[in-house]
mmCIF file of all heavy atoms, coordinates in Angstrom:
data_MODEL
# 
_entry.id   MODEL 
# 
loop_
_atom_site.group_PDB 
_atom_site.id 
_atom_site.type_symbol 
_atom_site.label_atom_id 
_atom_site.label_alt_id 
_atom_site.label_comp_id 
_atom_site.label_asym_id 
_atom_site.label_entity_id 
_atom_site.label_seq_id 
_atom_site.pdbx_PDB_ins_code 
_atom_site.Cartn_x 
_atom_site.Cartn_y 
_atom_site.Cartn_z 
_atom_site.occupancy 
_atom_site.B_iso_or_equiv 
_atom_site.pdbx_formal_charge 
_atom_site.auth_seq_id 
_atom_site.auth_comp_id 
_atom_site.auth_asym_id 
_atom_site.auth_atom_id 
_atom_site.pdbx_PDB_model_num 
ATOM 1   N N   . ARG A 1 1  ? 7.031  14.760 3.043   1.00 0.00 ? 1  ARG A N   1 
ATOM 2   C CA  . ARG A 1 1  ? 5.751  14.076 3.213   1.00 0.00 ? 1  ARG A CA  1 
ATOM 3   C C   . ARG A 1 1  ? 5.919  12.554 3.194   1.00 0.00 ? 1  ARG A C   1 
ATOM 4   O O   . ARG A 1 1  ? 5.081  11.834 3.728   1.00 0.00 ? 1  ARG A O   1 
ATOM 5   C CB  . ARG A 1 1  ? 4.753  14.516 2.136   1.00 0.00 ? 1  ARG A CB  1 
ATOM 6   C CG  . ARG A 1 1  ? 5.192  14.272 0.702   1.00 0.00 ? 1  ARG A CG  1 
ATOM 7   C CD  . ARG A 1 1  ? 4.099  14.613 -0.282  1.00 0.00 ? 1  ARG A CD  1 
ATOM 8   N NE  . ARG A 1 1  ? 4.591  14.548 -1.655  1.00 0.00 ? 1  ARG A NE  1 
ATOM 9   C CZ  . ARG A 1 1  ? 3.795  14.390 -2.708  1.00 0.00 ? 1  ARG A CZ  1 
ATOM 10  N NH1 . ARG A 1 1  ? 2.485  14.260 -2.543  1.00 0.00 ? 1  ARG A NH1 1 
ATOM 11  N NH2 . ARG A 1 1  ? 4.304  14.352 -3.930  1.00 0.00 ? 1  ARG A NH2 1 
ATOM 12  N N   . TYR A 1 2  ? 6.964  12.068 2.554   1.00 0.00 ? 2  TYR A N   1 
ATOM 13  C CA  . TYR A 1 2  ? 7.266  10.636 2.570   1.00 0.00 ? 2  TYR A CA  1 
ATOM 14  C C   . TYR A 1 2  ? 8.357  10.298 3.585   1.00 0.00 ? 2  TYR A C   1 
ATOM 15  O O   . TYR A 1 2  ? 8.258  9.320  4.328   1.00 0.00 ? 2  TYR A O   1 
ATOM 16  C CB  . TYR A 1 2  ? 7.703  10.167 1.180   1.00 0.00 ? 2  TYR A CB  1 
ATOM 17  C CG  . TYR A 1 2  ? 6.599  10.191 0.153   1.00 0.00 ? 2  TYR A CG  1 
ATOM 18  C CD1 . TYR A 1 2  ? 6.594  11.138 -0.870  1.00 0.00 ? 2  TYR A CD1 1 
ATOM 19  C CD2 . TYR A 1 2  ? 5.552  9.288  0.211   1.00 0.00 ? 2  TYR A CD2 1 
ATOM 20  C CE1 . TYR A 1 2  ? 5.576  11.170 -1.809  1.00 0.00 ? 2  TYR A CE1 1 
ATOM 21  C CE2 . TYR A 1 2  ? 4.527  9.306  -0.717  1.00 0.00 ? 2  TYR A CE2 1 
ATOM 22  C CZ  . TYR A 1 2  ? 4.551  10.255 -1.731  1.00 0.00 ? 2  TYR A CZ  1 
ATOM 23  O OH  . TYR A 1 2  ? 3.529  10.280 -2.654  1.00 0.00 ? 2  TYR A OH  1 
ATOM 24  N N   . ALA A 1 3  ? 9.414  11.097 3.610   1.00 0.00 ? 3  ALA A N   1 
ATOM 25  C CA  . ALA A 1 3  ? 10.546 10.804 4.480   1.00 0.00 ? 3  ALA A CA  1 
ATOM 26  C C   . ALA A 1 3  ? 10.150 10.803 5.954   1.00 0.00 ? 3  ALA A C   1 
ATOM 27  O O   . ALA A 1 3  ? 10.688 10.016 6.748   1.00 0.00 ? 3  ALA A O   1 
ATOM 28  C CB  . ALA A 1 3  ? 11.668 11.820 4.240   1.00 0.00 ? 3  ALA A CB  1 
ATOM 29  N N   . SER A 1 4  ? 9.215  11.661 6.344   1.00 0.00 ? 4  SER A N   1 
ATOM 30  C CA  . SER A 1 4  ? 8.808  11.718 7.748   1.00 0.00 ? 4  SER A CA  1 
ATOM 31  C C   . SER A 1 4  ? 8.111  10.437 8.185   1.00 0.00 ? 4  SER A C   1 
ATOM 32  O O   . SER A 1 4  ? 8.149  10.068 9.358   1.00 0.00 ? 4  SER A O   1 
ATOM 33  C CB  . SER A 1 4  ? 7.891  12.921 7.992   1.00 0.00 ? 4  SER A CB  1 
ATOM 34  O OG  . SER A 1 4  ? 6.761  12.878 7.142   1.00 0.00 ? 4  SER A OG  1 
ATOM 35  N N   . LEU A 1 5  ? 7.485  9.729  7.249   1.00 0.00 ? 5  LEU A N   1 
ATOM 36  C CA  . LEU A 1 5  ? 6.836  8.461  7.578   1.00 0.00 ? 5  LEU A CA  1 
ATOM 37  C C   . LEU A 1 5  ? 7.878  7.438  8.017   1.00 0.00 ? 5  LEU A C   1 
ATOM 38  O O   . LEU A 1 5  ? 7.660  6.661  8.952   1.00 0.00 ? 5  LEU A O   1 
ATOM 39  C CB  . LEU A 1 5  ? 6.053  7.930  6.371   1.00 0.00 ? 5  LEU A CB  1 
ATOM 40  C CG  . LEU A 1 5  ? 5.267  6.629  6.596   1.00 0.00 ? 5  LEU A CG  1 
ATOM 41  C CD1 . LEU A 1 5  ? 4.102  6.869  7.544   1.00 0.00 ? 5  LEU A CD1 1 
ATOM 42  C CD2 . LEU A 1 5  ? 4.759  6.076  5.265   1.00 0.00 ? 5  LEU A CD2 1 
ATOM 43  N N   . GLN A 1 6  ? 9.022  7.473  7.348   1.00 0.00 ? 6  GLN A N   1 
ATOM 44  C CA  . GLN A 1 6  ? 10.097 6.537  7.685   1.00 0.00 ? 6  GLN A CA  1 
ATOM 45  C C   . GLN A 1 6  ? 10.625 6.798  9.093   1.00 0.00 ? 6  GLN A C   1 
ATOM 46  O O   . GLN A 1 6  ? 10.992 5.866  9.823   1.00 0.00 ? 6  GLN A O   1 
ATOM 47  C CB  . GLN A 1 6  ? 11.226 6.662  6.668   1.00 0.00 ? 6  GLN A CB  1 
ATOM 48  C CG  . GLN A 1 6  ? 12.262 5.560  6.739   1.00 0.00 ? 6  GLN A CG  1 
ATOM 49  C CD  . GLN A 1 6  ? 13.337 5.729  5.691   1.00 0.00 ? 6  GLN A CD  1 
ATOM 50  O OE1 . GLN A 1 6  ? 13.952 6.790  5.582   1.00 0.00 ? 6  GLN A OE1 1 
ATOM 51  N NE2 . GLN A 1 6  ? 13.559 4.702  4.887   1.00 0.00 ? 6  GLN A NE2 1 
ATOM 52  N N   . LYS A 1 7  ? 10.648 8.051  9.515   1.00 0.00 ? 7  LYS A N   1 
ATOM 53  C CA  . LYS A 1 7  ? 11.134 8.397  10.852  1.00 0.00 ? 7  LYS A CA  1 
ATOM 54  C C   . LYS A 1 7  ? 10.106 8.044  11.931  1.00 0.00 ? 7  LYS A C   1 
ATOM 55  O O   . LYS A 1 7  ? 10.452 7.556  13.000  1.00 0.00 ? 7  LYS A O   1 
ATOM 56  C CB  . LYS A 1 7  ? 11.459 9.892  10.921  1.00 0.00 ? 7  LYS A CB  1 
ATOM 57  C CG  . LYS A 1 7  ? 12.700 10.291 10.139  1.00 0.00 ? 7  LYS A CG  1 
ATOM 58  C CD  . LYS A 1 7  ? 13.019 11.759 10.350  1.00 0.00 ? 7  LYS A CD  1 
ATOM 59  C CE  . LYS A 1 7  ? 14.302 12.145 9.614   1.00 0.00 ? 7  LYS A CE  1 
ATOM 60  N NZ  . LYS A 1 7  ? 14.640 13.574 9.819   1.00 0.00 ? 7  LYS A NZ  1 
ATOM 61  N N   . LEU A 1 8  ? 8.839  8.316  11.620  1.00 0.00 ? 8  LEU A N   1 
ATOM 62  C CA  . LEU A 1 8  ? 7.791  8.117  12.620  1.00 0.00 ? 8  LEU A CA  1 
ATOM 63  C C   . LEU A 1 8  ? 7.349  6.660  12.725  1.00 0.00 ? 8  LEU A C   1 
ATOM 64  O O   . LEU A 1 8  ? 7.123  6.149  13.823  1.00 0.00 ? 8  LEU A O   1 
ATOM 65  C CB  . LEU A 1 8  ? 6.583  9.005  12.280  1.00 0.00 ? 8  LEU A CB  1 
ATOM 66  C CG  . LEU A 1 8  ? 6.811  10.514 12.343  1.00 0.00 ? 8  LEU A CG  1 
ATOM 67  C CD1 . LEU A 1 8  ? 5.618  11.261 11.755  1.00 0.00 ? 8  LEU A CD1 1 
ATOM 68  C CD2 . LEU A 1 8  ? 7.040  10.953 13.786  1.00 0.00 ? 8  LEU A CD2 1 
ATOM 69  N N   . PHE A 1 9  ? 7.187  6.021  11.585  1.00 0.00 ? 9  PHE A N   1 
ATOM 70  C CA  . PHE A 1 9  ? 6.678  4.642  11.560  1.00 0.00 ? 9  PHE A CA  1 
ATOM 71  C C   . PHE A 1 9  ? 7.535  3.807  10.602  1.00 0.00 ? 9  PHE A C   1 
ATOM 72  O O   . PHE A 1 9  ? 7.111  3.481  9.489   1.00 0.00 ? 9  PHE A O   1 
ATOM 73  C CB  . PHE A 1 9  ? 5.214  4.619  11.101  1.00 0.00 ? 9  PHE A CB  1 
ATOM 74  C CG  . PHE A 1 9  ? 4.316  5.553  11.872  1.00 0.00 ? 9  PHE A CG  1 
ATOM 75  C CD1 . PHE A 1 9  ? 3.957  6.802  11.344  1.00 0.00 ? 9  PHE A CD1 1 
ATOM 76  C CD2 . PHE A 1 9  ? 3.837  5.198  13.124  1.00 0.00 ? 9  PHE A CD2 1 
ATOM 77  C CE1 . PHE A 1 9  ? 3.136  7.654  12.053  1.00 0.00 ? 9  PHE A CE1 1 
ATOM 78  C CE2 . PHE A 1 9  ? 3.007  6.047  13.833  1.00 0.00 ? 9  PHE A CE2 1 
ATOM 79  C CZ  . PHE A 1 9  ? 2.660  7.281  13.308  1.00 0.00 ? 9  PHE A CZ  1 
ATOM 80  N N   . PRO A 1 10 ? 8.773  3.458  11.000  1.00 0.00 ? 10 PRO A N   1 
ATOM 81  C CA  . PRO A 1 10 ? 9.702  2.788  10.072  1.00 0.00 ? 10 PRO A CA  1 
ATOM 82  C C   . PRO A 1 10 ? 9.189  1.469  9.501   1.00 0.00 ? 10 PRO A C   1 
ATOM 83  O O   . PRO A 1 10 ? 9.410  1.191  8.319   1.00 0.00 ? 10 PRO A O   1 
ATOM 84  C CB  . PRO A 1 10 ? 10.954 2.578  10.933  1.00 0.00 ? 10 PRO A CB  1 
ATOM 85  C CG  . PRO A 1 10 ? 10.516 2.769  12.350  1.00 0.00 ? 10 PRO A CG  1 
ATOM 86  C CD  . PRO A 1 10 ? 9.374  3.702  12.310  1.00 0.00 ? 10 PRO A CD  1 
ATOM 87  N N   . GLN A 1 11 ? 8.506  0.674  10.305  1.00 0.00 ? 11 GLN A N   1 
ATOM 88  C CA  . GLN A 1 11 ? 8.024  -0.618 9.798   1.00 0.00 ? 11 GLN A CA  1 
ATOM 89  C C   . GLN A 1 11 ? 6.896  -0.431 8.785   1.00 0.00 ? 11 GLN A C   1 
ATOM 90  O O   . GLN A 1 11 ? 6.894  -1.032 7.713   1.00 0.00 ? 11 GLN A O   1 
ATOM 91  C CB  . GLN A 1 11 ? 7.551  -1.494 10.958  1.00 0.00 ? 11 GLN A CB  1 
ATOM 92  C CG  . GLN A 1 11 ? 8.690  -1.958 11.862  1.00 0.00 ? 11 GLN A CG  1 
ATOM 93  C CD  . GLN A 1 11 ? 8.192  -2.870 12.960  1.00 0.00 ? 11 GLN A CD  1 
ATOM 94  O OE1 . GLN A 1 11 ? 7.026  -2.864 13.331  1.00 0.00 ? 11 GLN A OE1 1 
ATOM 95  N NE2 . GLN A 1 11 ? 9.108  -3.668 13.508  1.00 0.00 ? 11 GLN A NE2 1 
ATOM 96  N N   . GLU A 1 12 ? 5.934  0.419  9.139   1.00 0.00 ? 12 GLU A N   1 
ATOM 97  C CA  . GLU A 1 12 ? 4.822  0.685  8.223   1.00 0.00 ? 12 GLU A CA  1 
ATOM 98  C C   . GLU A 1 12 ? 5.307  1.388  6.957   1.00 0.00 ? 12 GLU A C   1 
ATOM 99  O O   . GLU A 1 12 ? 4.766  1.170  5.867   1.00 0.00 ? 12 GLU A O   1 
ATOM 100 C CB  . GLU A 1 12 ? 3.757  1.555  8.912   1.00 0.00 ? 12 GLU A CB  1 
ATOM 101 C CG  . GLU A 1 12 ? 3.020  0.880  10.045  1.00 0.00 ? 12 GLU A CG  1 
ATOM 102 C CD  . GLU A 1 12 ? 3.748  1.027  11.377  1.00 0.00 ? 12 GLU A CD  1 
ATOM 103 O OE1 . GLU A 1 12 ? 4.956  1.389  11.356  1.00 0.00 ? 12 GLU A OE1 1 
ATOM 104 O OE2 . GLU A 1 12 ? 3.126  0.768  12.420  1.00 0.00 ? 12 GLU A OE2 1 
ATOM 105 N N   . ALA A 1 13 ? 6.345  2.207  7.107   1.00 0.00 ? 13 ALA A N   1 
ATOM 106 C CA  . ALA A 1 13 ? 6.848  2.974  5.966   1.00 0.00 ? 13 ALA A CA  1 
ATOM 107 C C   . ALA A 1 13 ? 7.323  2.064  4.848   1.00 0.00 ? 13 ALA A C   1 
ATOM 108 O O   . ALA A 1 13 ? 7.028  2.301  3.667   1.00 0.00 ? 13 ALA A O   1 
ATOM 109 C CB  . ALA A 1 13 ? 7.983  3.898  6.409   1.00 0.00 ? 13 ALA A CB  1 
ATOM 110 N N   . GLU A 1 14 ? 8.060  1.019  5.183   1.00 0.00 ? 14 GLU A N   1 
ATOM 111 C CA  . GLU A 1 14 ? 8.583  0.126  4.150   1.00 0.00 ? 14 GLU A CA  1 
ATOM 112 C C   . GLU A 1 14 ? 7.455  -0.499 3.333   1.00 0.00 ? 14 GLU A C   1 
ATOM 113 O O   . GLU A 1 14 ? 7.519  -0.570 2.108   1.00 0.00 ? 14 GLU A O   1 
ATOM 114 C CB  . GLU A 1 14 ? 9.445  -0.962 4.786   1.00 0.00 ? 14 GLU A CB  1 
ATOM 115 C CG  . GLU A 1 14 ? 10.827 -0.495 5.204   1.00 0.00 ? 14 GLU A CG  1 
ATOM 116 C CD  . GLU A 1 14 ? 11.575 0.177  4.066   1.00 0.00 ? 14 GLU A CD  1 
ATOM 117 O OE1 . GLU A 1 14 ? 11.696 -0.429 2.973   1.00 0.00 ? 14 GLU A OE1 1 
ATOM 118 O OE2 . GLU A 1 14 ? 12.038 1.320  4.251   1.00 0.00 ? 14 GLU A OE2 1 
ATOM 119 N N   . ALA A 1 15 ? 6.409  -0.952 4.036   1.00 0.00 ? 15 ALA A N   1 
ATOM 120 C CA  . ALA A 1 15 ? 5.280  -1.573 3.336   1.00 0.00 ? 15 ALA A CA  1 
ATOM 121 C C   . ALA A 1 15 ? 4.553  -0.564 2.461   1.00 0.00 ? 15 ALA A C   1 
ATOM 122 O O   . ALA A 1 15 ? 4.163  -0.869 1.320   1.00 0.00 ? 15 ALA A O   1 
ATOM 123 C CB  . ALA A 1 15 ? 4.316  -2.183 4.347   1.00 0.00 ? 15 ALA A CB  1 
ATOM 124 N N   . LEU A 1 16 ? 4.381  0.665  2.969   1.00 0.00 ? 16 LEU A N   1 
ATOM 125 C CA  . LEU A 1 16 ? 3.660  1.689  2.200   1.00 0.00 ? 16 LEU A CA  1 
ATOM 126 C C   . LEU A 1 16 ? 4.494  2.217  1.035   1.00 0.00 ? 16 LEU A C   1 
ATOM 127 O O   . LEU A 1 16 ? 3.959  2.520  -0.034  1.00 0.00 ? 16 LEU A O   1 
ATOM 128 C CB  . LEU A 1 16 ? 3.237  2.835  3.123   1.00 0.00 ? 16 LEU A CB  1 
ATOM 129 C CG  . LEU A 1 16 ? 2.039  2.532  4.028   1.00 0.00 ? 16 LEU A CG  1 
ATOM 130 C CD1 . LEU A 1 16 ? 1.791  3.670  5.009   1.00 0.00 ? 16 LEU A CD1 1 
ATOM 131 C CD2 . LEU A 1 16 ? 0.777  2.280  3.205   1.00 0.00 ? 16 LEU A CD2 1 
ATOM 132 N N   . PHE A 1 17 ? 5.827  2.329  1.232   1.00 0.00 ? 17 PHE A N   1 
ATOM 133 C CA  . PHE A 1 17 ? 6.683  2.742  0.118   1.00 0.00 ? 17 PHE A CA  1 
ATOM 134 C C   . PHE A 1 17 ? 6.618  1.715  -1.004  1.00 0.00 ? 17 PHE A C   1 
ATOM 135 O O   . PHE A 1 17 ? 6.559  2.047  -2.189  1.00 0.00 ? 17 PHE A O   1 
ATOM 136 C CB  . PHE A 1 17 ? 8.129  2.901  0.584   1.00 0.00 ? 17 PHE A CB  1 
ATOM 137 C CG  . PHE A 1 17 ? 8.379  4.116  1.425   1.00 0.00 ? 17 PHE A CG  1 
ATOM 138 C CD1 . PHE A 1 17 ? 9.552  4.236  2.164   1.00 0.00 ? 17 PHE A CD1 1 
ATOM 139 C CD2 . PHE A 1 17 ? 7.446  5.152  1.501   1.00 0.00 ? 17 PHE A CD2 1 
ATOM 140 C CE1 . PHE A 1 17 ? 9.785  5.363  2.945   1.00 0.00 ? 17 PHE A CE1 1 
ATOM 141 C CE2 . PHE A 1 17 ? 7.672  6.270  2.285   1.00 0.00 ? 17 PHE A CE2 1 
ATOM 142 C CZ  . PHE A 1 17 ? 8.844  6.373  3.011   1.00 0.00 ? 17 PHE A CZ  1 
ATOM 143 N N   . GLU A 1 18 ? 6.627  0.465  -0.613  1.00 0.00 ? 18 GLU A N   1 
ATOM 144 C CA  . GLU A 1 18 ? 6.536  -0.610 -1.601  1.00 0.00 ? 18 GLU A CA  1 
ATOM 145 C C   . GLU A 1 18 ? 5.193  -0.555 -2.323  1.00 0.00 ? 18 GLU A C   1 
ATOM 146 O O   . GLU A 1 18 ? 5.120  -0.750 -3.537  1.00 0.00 ? 18 GLU A O   1 
ATOM 147 C CB  . GLU A 1 18 ? 6.704  -1.964 -0.907  1.00 0.00 ? 18 GLU A CB  1 
ATOM 148 C CG  . GLU A 1 18 ? 6.755  -3.141 -1.866  1.00 0.00 ? 18 GLU A CG  1 
ATOM 149 C CD  . GLU A 1 18 ? 6.985  -4.457 -1.157  1.00 0.00 ? 18 GLU A CD  1 
ATOM 150 O OE1 . GLU A 1 18 ? 7.618  -4.450 -0.075  1.00 0.00 ? 18 GLU A OE1 1 
ATOM 151 O OE2 . GLU A 1 18 ? 6.534  -5.492 -1.686  1.00 0.00 ? 18 GLU A OE2 1 
ATOM 152 N N   . LYS A 1 19 ? 4.139  -0.250 -1.577  1.00 0.00 ? 19 LYS A N   1 
ATOM 153 C CA  . LYS A 1 19 ? 2.804  -0.176 -2.171  1.00 0.00 ? 19 LYS A CA  1 
ATOM 154 C C   . LYS A 1 19 ? 2.699  0.984  -3.158  1.00 0.00 ? 19 LYS A C   1 
ATOM 155 O O   . LYS A 1 19 ? 2.183  0.825  -4.279  1.00 0.00 ? 19 LYS A O   1 
ATOM 156 C CB  . LYS A 1 19 ? 1.733  -0.011 -1.086  1.00 0.00 ? 19 LYS A CB  1 
ATOM 157 C CG  . LYS A 1 19 ? 0.330  0.232  -1.653  1.00 0.00 ? 19 LYS A CG  1 
ATOM 158 C CD  . LYS A 1 19 ? -0.733 0.297  -0.588  1.00 0.00 ? 19 LYS A CD  1 
ATOM 159 C CE  . LYS A 1 19 ? -2.062 0.754  -1.151  1.00 0.00 ? 19 LYS A CE  1 
ATOM 160 N NZ  . LYS A 1 19 ? -2.498 0.012  -2.338  1.00 0.00 ? 19 LYS A NZ  1 
ATOM 161 N N   . THR A 1 20 ? 3.178  2.172  -2.781  1.00 0.00 ? 20 THR A N   1 
ATOM 162 C CA  . THR A 1 20 ? 3.024  3.323  -3.677  1.00 0.00 ? 20 THR A CA  1 
ATOM 163 C C   . THR A 1 20 ? 3.859  3.149  -4.943  1.00 0.00 ? 20 THR A C   1 
ATOM 164 O O   . THR A 1 20 ? 3.450  3.566  -6.029  1.00 0.00 ? 20 THR A O   1 
ATOM 165 C CB  . THR A 1 20 ? 3.372  4.644  -2.957  1.00 0.00 ? 20 THR A CB  1 
ATOM 166 O OG1 . THR A 1 20 ? 2.825  5.737  -3.705  1.00 0.00 ? 20 THR A OG1 1 
ATOM 167 C CG2 . THR A 1 20 ? 4.857  4.844  -2.782  1.00 0.00 ? 20 THR A CG2 1 
ATOM 168 N N   . GLU A 1 21 ? 5.028  2.464  -4.826  1.00 0.00 ? 21 GLU A N   1 
ATOM 169 C CA  . GLU A 1 21 ? 5.818  2.176  -6.028  1.00 0.00 ? 21 GLU A CA  1 
ATOM 170 C C   . GLU A 1 21 ? 5.095  1.156  -6.901  1.00 0.00 ? 21 GLU A C   1 
ATOM 171 O O   . GLU A 1 21 ? 5.033  1.292  -8.127  1.00 0.00 ? 21 GLU A O   1 
ATOM 172 C CB  . GLU A 1 21 ? 7.198  1.661  -5.652  1.00 0.00 ? 21 GLU A CB  1 
ATOM 173 C CG  . GLU A 1 21 ? 8.088  1.420  -6.855  1.00 0.00 ? 21 GLU A CG  1 
ATOM 174 C CD  . GLU A 1 21 ? 9.535  1.138  -6.497  1.00 0.00 ? 21 GLU A CD  1 
ATOM 175 O OE1 . GLU A 1 21 ? 9.859  1.066  -5.291  1.00 0.00 ? 21 GLU A OE1 1 
ATOM 176 O OE2 . GLU A 1 21 ? 10.354 0.999  -7.430  1.00 0.00 ? 21 GLU A OE2 1 
ATOM 177 N N   . LYS A 1 22 ? 4.517  0.147  -6.262  1.00 0.00 ? 22 LYS A N   1 
ATOM 178 C CA  . LYS A 1 22 ? 3.760  -0.873 -7.003  1.00 0.00 ? 22 LYS A CA  1 
ATOM 179 C C   . LYS A 1 22 ? 2.551  -0.246 -7.686  1.00 0.00 ? 22 LYS A C   1 
ATOM 180 O O   . LYS A 1 22 ? 2.241  -0.555 -8.843  1.00 0.00 ? 22 LYS A O   1 
ATOM 181 C CB  . LYS A 1 22 ? 3.302  -1.969 -6.036  1.00 0.00 ? 22 LYS A CB  1 
ATOM 182 C CG  . LYS A 1 22 ? 2.591  -3.124 -6.699  1.00 0.00 ? 22 LYS A CG  1 
ATOM 183 C CD  . LYS A 1 22 ? 2.199  -4.179 -5.669  1.00 0.00 ? 22 LYS A CD  1 
ATOM 184 C CE  . LYS A 1 22 ? 1.429  -5.320 -6.319  1.00 0.00 ? 22 LYS A CE  1 
ATOM 185 N NZ  . LYS A 1 22 ? 1.005  -6.331 -5.309  1.00 0.00 ? 22 LYS A NZ  1 
ATOM 186 N N   . ASP A 1 23 ? 1.877  0.672  -6.994  1.00 0.00 ? 23 ASP A N   1 
ATOM 187 C CA  . ASP A 1 23 ? 0.720  1.364  -7.581  1.00 0.00 ? 23 ASP A CA  1 
ATOM 188 C C   . ASP A 1 23 ? 1.132  2.169  -8.809  1.00 0.00 ? 23 ASP A C   1 
ATOM 189 O O   . ASP A 1 23 ? 0.443  2.176  -9.830  1.00 0.00 ? 23 ASP A O   1 
ATOM 190 C CB  . ASP A 1 23 ? 0.080  2.308  -6.552  1.00 0.00 ? 23 ASP A CB  1 
ATOM 191 C CG  . ASP A 1 23 ? -0.616 1.572  -5.416  1.00 0.00 ? 23 ASP A CG  1 
ATOM 192 O OD1 . ASP A 1 23 ? -0.903 0.371  -5.572  1.00 0.00 ? 23 ASP A OD1 1 
ATOM 193 O OD2 . ASP A 1 23 ? -0.864 2.213  -4.369  1.00 0.00 ? 23 ASP A OD2 1 
ATOM 194 N N   . ALA A 1 24 ? 2.274  2.857  -8.708  1.00 0.00 ? 24 ALA A N   1 
ATOM 195 C CA  . ALA A 1 24 ? 2.761  3.675  -9.827  1.00 0.00 ? 24 ALA A CA  1 
ATOM 196 C C   . ALA A 1 24 ? 3.121  2.794  -11.019 1.00 0.00 ? 24 ALA A C   1 
ATOM 197 O O   . ALA A 1 24 ? 2.817  3.136  -12.168 1.00 0.00 ? 24 ALA A O   1 
ATOM 198 C CB  . ALA A 1 24 ? 3.965  4.498  -9.392  1.00 0.00 ? 24 ALA A CB  1 
ATOM 199 N N   . ARG A 1 25 ? 3.776  1.663  -10.755 1.00 0.00 ? 25 ARG A N   1 
ATOM 200 C CA  . ARG A 1 25 ? 4.134  0.747  -11.841 1.00 0.00 ? 25 ARG A CA  1 
ATOM 201 C C   . ARG A 1 25 ? 2.878  0.187  -12.517 1.00 0.00 ? 25 ARG A C   1 
ATOM 202 O O   . ARG A 1 25 ? 2.805  0.081  -13.744 1.00 0.00 ? 25 ARG A O   1 
ATOM 203 C CB  . ARG A 1 25 ? 4.971  -0.419 -11.299 1.00 0.00 ? 25 ARG A CB  1 
ATOM 204 C CG  . ARG A 1 25 ? 6.262  -0.012 -10.614 1.00 0.00 ? 25 ARG A CG  1 
ATOM 205 C CD  . ARG A 1 25 ? 7.307  0.485  -11.588 1.00 0.00 ? 25 ARG A CD  1 
ATOM 206 N NE  . ARG A 1 25 ? 8.567  0.774  -10.910 1.00 0.00 ? 25 ARG A NE  1 
ATOM 207 C CZ  . ARG A 1 25 ? 9.260  1.880  -11.053 1.00 0.00 ? 25 ARG A CZ  1 
ATOM 208 N NH1 . ARG A 1 25 ? 8.820  2.826  -11.863 1.00 0.00 ? 25 ARG A NH1 1 
ATOM 209 N NH2 . ARG A 1 25 ? 10.396 2.072  -10.413 1.00 0.00 ? 25 ARG A NH2 1 
ATOM 210 N N   . ALA A 1 26 ? 1.889  -0.179 -11.690 1.00 0.00 ? 26 ALA A N   1 
ATOM 211 C CA  . ALA A 1 26 ? 0.640  -0.721 -12.243 1.00 0.00 ? 26 ALA A CA  1 
ATOM 212 C C   . ALA A 1 26 ? -0.084 0.320  -13.077 1.00 0.00 ? 26 ALA A C   1 
ATOM 213 O O   . ALA A 1 26 ? -0.665 0.015  -14.132 1.00 0.00 ? 26 ALA A O   1 
ATOM 214 C CB  . ALA A 1 26 ? -0.251 -1.214 -11.106 1.00 0.00 ? 26 ALA A CB  1 
ATOM 215 N N   . ARG A 1 27 ? -0.038 1.572  -12.620 1.00 0.00 ? 27 ARG A N   1 
ATOM 216 C CA  . ARG A 1 27 ? -0.688 2.655  -13.356 1.00 0.00 ? 27 ARG A CA  1 
ATOM 217 C C   . ARG A 1 27 ? -0.021 2.831  -14.716 1.00 0.00 ? 27 ARG A C   1 
ATOM 218 O O   . ARG A 1 27 ? -0.701 2.963  -15.739 1.00 0.00 ? 27 ARG A O   1 
ATOM 219 C CB  . ARG A 1 27 ? -0.616 3.941  -12.536 1.00 0.00 ? 27 ARG A CB  1 
ATOM 220 C CG  . ARG A 1 27 ? -1.477 5.077  -13.056 1.00 0.00 ? 27 ARG A CG  1 
ATOM 221 C CD  . ARG A 1 27 ? -1.726 6.122  -11.988 1.00 0.00 ? 27 ARG A CD  1 
ATOM 222 N NE  . ARG A 1 27 ? -0.508 6.583  -11.332 1.00 0.00 ? 27 ARG A NE  1 
ATOM 223 C CZ  . ARG A 1 27 ? -0.244 6.421  -10.044 1.00 0.00 ? 27 ARG A CZ  1 
ATOM 224 N NH1 . ARG A 1 27 ? -1.088 5.774  -9.254  1.00 0.00 ? 27 ARG A NH1 1 
ATOM 225 N NH2 . ARG A 1 27 ? 0.882  6.899  -9.522  1.00 0.00 ? 27 ARG A NH2 1 
ATOM 226 N N   . ARG A 1 28 ? 1.296  2.804  -14.731 1.00 0.00 ? 28 ARG A N   1 
ATOM 227 C CA  . ARG A 1 28 ? 2.003  2.939  -16.008 1.00 0.00 ? 28 ARG A CA  1 
ATOM 228 C C   . ARG A 1 28 ? 1.698  1.762  -16.932 1.00 0.00 ? 28 ARG A C   1 
ATOM 229 O O   . ARG A 1 28 ? 1.499  1.949  -18.135 1.00 0.00 ? 28 ARG A O   1 
ATOM 230 C CB  . ARG A 1 28 ? 3.509  3.048  -15.774 1.00 0.00 ? 28 ARG A CB  1 
ATOM 231 C CG  . ARG A 1 28 ? 4.264  3.198  -17.092 1.00 0.00 ? 28 ARG A CG  1 
ATOM 232 C CD  . ARG A 1 28 ? 5.760  3.239  -16.939 1.00 0.00 ? 28 ARG A CD  1 
ATOM 233 N NE  . ARG A 1 28 ? 6.375  3.206  -18.262 1.00 0.00 ? 28 ARG A NE  1 
ATOM 234 C CZ  . ARG A 1 28 ? 6.553  4.259  -19.048 1.00 0.00 ? 28 ARG A CZ  1 
ATOM 235 N NH1 . ARG A 1 28 ? 6.162  5.455  -18.650 1.00 0.00 ? 28 ARG A NH1 1 
ATOM 236 N NH2 . ARG A 1 28 ? 7.105  4.133  -20.234 1.00 0.00 ? 28 ARG A NH2 1 
ATOM 237 N N   . GLN A 1 29 ? 1.660  0.560  -16.381 1.00 0.00 ? 29 GLN A N   1 
ATOM 238 C CA  . GLN A 1 29 ? 1.372  -0.612 -17.194 1.00 0.00 ? 29 GLN A CA  1 
ATOM 239 C C   . GLN A 1 29 ? -0.024 -0.542 -17.811 1.00 0.00 ? 29 GLN A C   1 
ATOM 240 O O   . GLN A 1 29 ? -0.247 -1.007 -18.931 1.00 0.00 ? 29 GLN A O   1 
ATOM 241 C CB  . GLN A 1 29 ? 1.516  -1.889 -16.358 1.00 0.00 ? 29 GLN A CB  1 
ATOM 242 C CG  . GLN A 1 29 ? 2.954  -2.311 -16.134 1.00 0.00 ? 29 GLN A CG  1 
ATOM 243 C CD  . GLN A 1 29 ? 3.732  -2.437 -17.439 1.00 0.00 ? 29 GLN A CD  1 
ATOM 244 O OE1 . GLN A 1 29 ? 3.317  -3.107 -18.379 1.00 0.00 ? 29 GLN A OE1 1 
ATOM 245 N NE2 . GLN A 1 29 ? 4.880  -1.766 -17.495 1.00 0.00 ? 29 GLN A NE2 1 
# 
C-alpha cells in the first residue's frame, strides 16, 4: 500500500512518505 506509491508516483511518494513519518513523530510527541 506504500511501496506501490513509490512506483506509480515517485516524486509525490517522497513528499508523502516524509509527511506520514512526520505525522507519526508528532503524534508520539
